[in-house]
Amino acid sequence: MTPHQPAATELPTAARKSGALQRAGRIAVPTLALLVAAVSARYFTLDPDTFLEDQRTVYLAHLAPLLLHVGGGVVALSLGPLQFLPGLRARRPALHRWTGRTYVLATAALGVGGLLIAPHGLYPPFSPLGFVLLDVLTLTTTALGVQHARRGRTAAHRRWMVRSYALMFTAVTFRLWLFLLTPTGLPASVVYTSGAWASWIVNLAVAERLLRRGPAQEPLRRG
C-alpha cells in the first residue's frame, strides 16, 4: 500500500458526506423558512395573544412598523429559496427576475419596519443594537445584490444575495437559539441578547464558507 492510497479512499468518503449535508440543507432551509413564515403570519390576525408576551404592549403601540417588518419577512423567507434553484433561473429567467424583485421589496419592508421597532426591543441596549445592525446589513447586502445584477455581474450578484438570505434566515436561527438555550436555565436576558447577535453572525459565517466552496456561476441573462 502506497502512502497515497488512504487519501484516495478518504476523498470519496468526504465527498459523500458533503453531498449528504448539502441535500439535507436543501430540504431543511426551505422547510424551516416556510414554517417560521407561517407562524409569523399569525400576527396579521391582530390578536394580541399571538404577540410575544414581554413585547405585547410595544407591538400594539407600534403596529404599523411591526406588520411591515413581519409582512416583509414572511414574503422574503418564502421566496428566497426559489431564487437559488438553477433550473428555475435557466428555464424561467423572467420568473426568476420577478420573484427577485418581489424579494427585494419585501426585504426593504422588513428592514425599514425592523429599524423602526428594534429600538423598542427587549434588554436594551445590546439586544436592540444587534437587531438594528442585522436590519442595516440585510438592507445593504440586498442593495449590493441588486446593483451587481443591474450591471450584469452575475457571480457577484449571487454572492451578495446569498448573504442577504443568510441574514433573512436569522428569523429561523434566532428562534432555534431561544428554543435550545431557554431550557438550560440561563437568564432570559442572556439567552435573548446572545441570540440577537449570534443567530445572524453564525448565518453569515456559514454563508461565507459555502461561497468559498461554491463553483463559479454562468453569466447573467438579460431580458
Protein backbone atom coordinates (compact mmCIF):
# COMPACT_ATOMS: atom_id res chain seq x y z
CA MET A 1 0.00 0.00 0.00
CA THR A 2 1.44 3.34 -1.02
CA PRO A 3 1.20 6.48 1.14
CA HIS A 4 -1.26 7.92 -1.36
CA GLN A 5 -3.86 5.16 -1.09
CA PRO A 6 -5.51 6.21 2.21
CA ALA A 7 -6.02 9.73 0.91
CA ALA A 8 -7.63 8.37 -2.25
CA THR A 9 -10.01 6.37 -0.11
CA GLU A 10 -10.84 9.27 2.18
CA LEU A 11 -11.68 11.75 -0.61
CA PRO A 12 -14.78 9.91 -1.91
CA THR A 13 -15.99 9.45 1.68
CA ALA A 14 -15.63 13.16 2.40
CA ALA A 15 -17.37 13.97 -0.88
CA ARG A 16 -20.28 11.69 0.02
CA LYS A 17 -20.63 13.32 3.44
CA SER A 18 -20.50 16.79 1.89
CA GLY A 19 -23.13 15.80 -0.66
CA ALA A 20 -25.40 14.40 2.03
CA LEU A 21 -25.10 17.61 4.06
CA GLN A 22 -25.92 19.70 1.01
CA ARG A 23 -29.00 17.61 0.25
CA ALA A 24 -30.14 17.88 3.87
CA GLY A 25 -29.62 21.64 3.74
CA ARG A 26 -31.69 21.97 0.56
CA ILE A 27 -34.57 20.32 2.39
CA ALA A 28 -34.12 21.89 5.83
CA VAL A 29 -33.69 25.52 4.76
CA PRO A 30 -36.95 25.96 2.79
CA THR A 31 -38.88 23.76 5.23
CA LEU A 32 -37.85 25.79 8.27
CA ALA A 33 -38.26 29.06 6.39
CA LEU A 34 -41.84 28.23 5.38
CA LEU A 35 -42.64 27.02 8.89
CA VAL A 36 -41.42 30.24 10.51
CA ALA A 37 -43.15 32.31 7.82
CA ALA A 38 -46.44 30.54 8.54
CA VAL A 39 -46.08 31.05 12.29
CA SER A 40 -45.16 34.71 11.85
CA ALA A 41 -48.12 35.34 9.54
CA ARG A 42 -50.40 34.86 12.55
CA TYR A 43 -49.51 38.41 13.57
CA PHE A 44 -51.84 39.64 10.83
CA THR A 45 -54.80 38.33 12.79
CA LEU A 46 -54.07 41.32 15.09
CA ASP A 47 -54.80 39.06 18.05
CA PRO A 48 -52.62 40.35 20.93
CA ASP A 49 -52.33 36.80 22.25
CA THR A 50 -50.16 35.90 19.25
CA PHE A 51 -47.59 38.57 20.18
CA LEU A 52 -44.63 37.90 22.45
CA GLU A 53 -45.89 38.38 25.99
CA ASP A 54 -43.00 40.62 27.04
CA GLN A 55 -43.40 42.74 23.91
CA ARG A 56 -47.18 42.87 23.63
CA THR A 57 -47.50 46.49 24.77
CA VAL A 58 -44.70 47.64 22.47
CA TYR A 59 -46.14 45.77 19.48
CA LEU A 60 -49.59 47.23 19.98
CA ALA A 61 -48.11 50.72 20.23
CA HIS A 62 -46.07 50.25 17.03
CA LEU A 63 -48.40 48.08 14.99
CA ALA A 64 -47.65 49.58 11.55
CA PRO A 65 -43.86 49.02 11.61
CA LEU A 66 -44.41 45.61 13.22
CA LEU A 67 -46.67 44.45 10.39
CA LEU A 68 -44.32 45.98 7.80
CA HIS A 69 -41.45 44.04 9.32
CA VAL A 70 -43.35 40.77 9.70
CA GLY A 71 -45.01 41.01 6.28
CA GLY A 72 -41.73 41.64 4.52
CA GLY A 73 -40.13 38.78 6.40
CA VAL A 74 -42.91 36.32 5.55
CA VAL A 75 -42.65 37.08 1.83
CA ALA A 76 -38.85 37.17 1.68
CA LEU A 77 -38.42 33.98 3.72
CA SER A 78 -40.85 32.17 1.44
CA LEU A 79 -39.46 33.40 -1.88
CA GLY A 80 -35.75 33.32 -1.07
CA PRO A 81 -35.14 29.58 -1.61
CA LEU A 82 -36.71 29.76 -5.10
CA GLN A 83 -34.05 32.23 -6.19
CA PHE A 84 -31.26 29.71 -5.69
CA LEU A 85 -32.76 26.98 -7.91
CA PRO A 86 -30.52 26.68 -11.01
CA GLY A 87 -33.33 25.07 -13.02
CA LEU A 88 -35.66 27.99 -12.39
CA ARG A 89 -33.00 30.52 -13.39
CA ALA A 90 -32.21 28.61 -16.58
CA ARG A 91 -35.73 27.69 -17.73
CA ARG A 92 -37.75 30.63 -16.37
CA PRO A 93 -35.43 33.66 -16.21
CA ALA A 94 -38.37 36.10 -16.28
CA LEU A 95 -39.96 34.39 -13.28
CA HIS A 96 -36.60 34.50 -11.50
CA ARG A 97 -36.37 38.25 -12.10
CA TRP A 98 -39.92 39.00 -10.93
CA THR A 99 -39.70 36.88 -7.81
CA GLY A 100 -36.34 38.53 -7.19
CA ARG A 101 -37.89 41.98 -7.40
CA THR A 102 -40.61 40.91 -5.01
CA TYR A 103 -37.95 39.57 -2.63
CA VAL A 104 -36.11 42.91 -2.76
CA LEU A 105 -39.28 44.89 -1.98
CA ALA A 106 -40.11 42.51 0.87
CA THR A 107 -36.59 42.88 2.23
CA ALA A 108 -36.93 46.66 2.14
CA ALA A 109 -40.20 46.42 4.09
CA LEU A 110 -38.64 44.08 6.65
CA GLY A 111 -35.58 46.27 7.09
CA VAL A 112 -37.43 49.57 7.42
CA GLY A 113 -40.03 48.10 9.77
CA GLY A 114 -37.30 46.46 11.80
CA LEU A 115 -35.32 49.69 12.15
CA LEU A 116 -38.44 51.46 13.40
CA ILE A 117 -39.36 48.86 16.01
CA ALA A 118 -35.96 47.45 17.06
CA PRO A 119 -35.08 50.39 19.37
CA HIS A 120 -38.09 49.45 21.50
CA GLY A 121 -36.93 45.84 21.90
CA LEU A 122 -36.15 43.82 24.98
CA TYR A 123 -32.98 44.10 27.05
CA PRO A 124 -31.50 47.38 25.79
CA PRO A 125 -29.07 48.47 24.65
CA PHE A 126 -27.27 45.35 23.40
CA SER A 127 -30.21 43.31 22.15
CA PRO A 128 -31.82 46.15 20.14
CA LEU A 129 -28.39 47.09 18.77
CA GLY A 130 -27.92 43.55 17.47
CA PHE A 131 -31.23 43.69 15.61
CA VAL A 132 -30.57 47.20 14.26
CA LEU A 133 -27.26 46.04 12.83
CA LEU A 134 -28.99 42.98 11.38
CA ASP A 135 -31.53 45.19 9.59
CA VAL A 136 -28.82 47.51 8.26
CA LEU A 137 -26.78 44.58 6.93
CA THR A 138 -29.84 42.95 5.38
CA LEU A 139 -30.71 46.14 3.51
CA THR A 140 -27.08 46.69 2.49
CA THR A 141 -26.40 43.18 1.17
CA THR A 142 -29.66 43.19 -0.77
CA ALA A 143 -28.93 46.60 -2.29
CA LEU A 144 -25.47 45.43 -3.35
CA GLY A 145 -27.00 42.31 -4.90
CA VAL A 146 -29.40 44.46 -6.93
CA GLN A 147 -26.62 46.79 -8.01
CA HIS A 148 -24.49 43.92 -9.32
CA ALA A 149 -27.47 42.37 -11.14
CA ARG A 150 -28.15 45.65 -12.96
CA ARG A 151 -24.52 45.75 -14.09
CA GLY A 152 -24.62 42.15 -15.31
CA ARG A 153 -22.20 40.89 -12.68
CA THR A 154 -23.90 37.57 -12.04
CA ALA A 155 -21.37 35.94 -9.75
CA ALA A 156 -21.16 39.00 -7.50
CA HIS A 157 -24.96 39.37 -7.58
CA ARG A 158 -25.47 35.82 -6.35
CA ARG A 159 -22.81 36.10 -3.67
CA TRP A 160 -24.50 39.16 -2.18
CA MET A 161 -27.95 37.61 -2.41
CA VAL A 162 -26.69 34.52 -0.58
CA ARG A 163 -25.52 36.85 2.19
CA SER A 164 -28.86 38.66 2.09
CA TYR A 165 -30.84 35.45 2.53
CA ALA A 166 -28.45 34.20 5.22
CA LEU A 167 -29.33 37.33 7.18
CA MET A 168 -33.02 36.87 6.40
CA PHE A 169 -32.78 33.32 7.74
CA THR A 170 -32.00 34.80 11.15
CA ALA A 171 -35.76 34.64 11.67
CA VAL A 172 -35.26 30.87 11.86
CA THR A 173 -31.94 30.61 13.68
CA PHE A 174 -32.95 33.12 16.35
CA ARG A 175 -36.00 31.02 17.21
CA LEU A 176 -33.87 27.88 17.25
CA TRP A 177 -31.41 29.65 19.54
CA LEU A 178 -34.19 30.51 22.00
CA PHE A 179 -35.66 27.01 21.77
CA LEU A 180 -32.34 25.32 22.51
CA LEU A 181 -30.96 27.66 25.17
CA THR A 182 -34.06 28.56 27.16
CA PRO A 183 -34.23 25.14 28.87
CA THR A 184 -30.59 25.46 30.03
CA GLY A 185 -31.57 27.73 32.92
CA LEU A 186 -29.56 30.72 31.69
CA PRO A 187 -31.14 34.10 32.42
CA ALA A 188 -33.66 35.11 29.77
CA SER A 189 -31.73 38.32 29.13
CA VAL A 190 -28.56 36.34 28.35
CA VAL A 191 -30.33 33.91 26.02
CA TYR A 192 -32.22 36.63 24.16
CA THR A 193 -29.34 39.10 23.85
CA SER A 194 -26.80 36.49 22.79
CA GLY A 195 -29.28 35.25 20.19
CA ALA A 196 -29.78 38.78 18.87
CA TRP A 197 -26.12 38.68 17.80
CA ALA A 198 -25.10 35.04 17.41
CA SER A 199 -28.03 33.99 15.22
CA TRP A 200 -27.05 36.24 12.31
CA ILE A 201 -23.30 36.09 12.84
CA VAL A 202 -23.42 32.28 12.59
CA ASN A 203 -25.58 32.52 9.45
CA LEU A 204 -23.12 34.87 7.77
CA ALA A 205 -20.19 32.63 8.71
CA VAL A 206 -21.92 29.61 7.17
CA ALA A 207 -22.78 31.62 4.04
CA GLU A 208 -19.17 32.75 3.62
CA ARG A 209 -17.94 29.17 3.95
CA LEU A 210 -20.41 27.99 1.31
CA LEU A 211 -19.44 30.83 -1.01
CA ARG A 212 -15.74 29.97 -0.76
CA ARG A 213 -16.50 26.36 -1.69
CA GLY A 214 -19.08 27.11 -4.38
CA PRO A 215 -18.46 26.80 -8.14
CA ALA A 216 -18.31 29.74 -10.50
CA GLN A 217 -21.65 30.78 -11.92
CA GLU A 218 -22.78 31.33 -15.51
CA PRO A 219 -23.22 34.84 -16.94
CA LEU A 220 -26.41 36.74 -16.23
CA ARG A 221 -29.07 36.60 -18.91
CA ARG A 222 -30.73 39.89 -19.70
CA GLY A 223 -34.23 40.29 -20.97
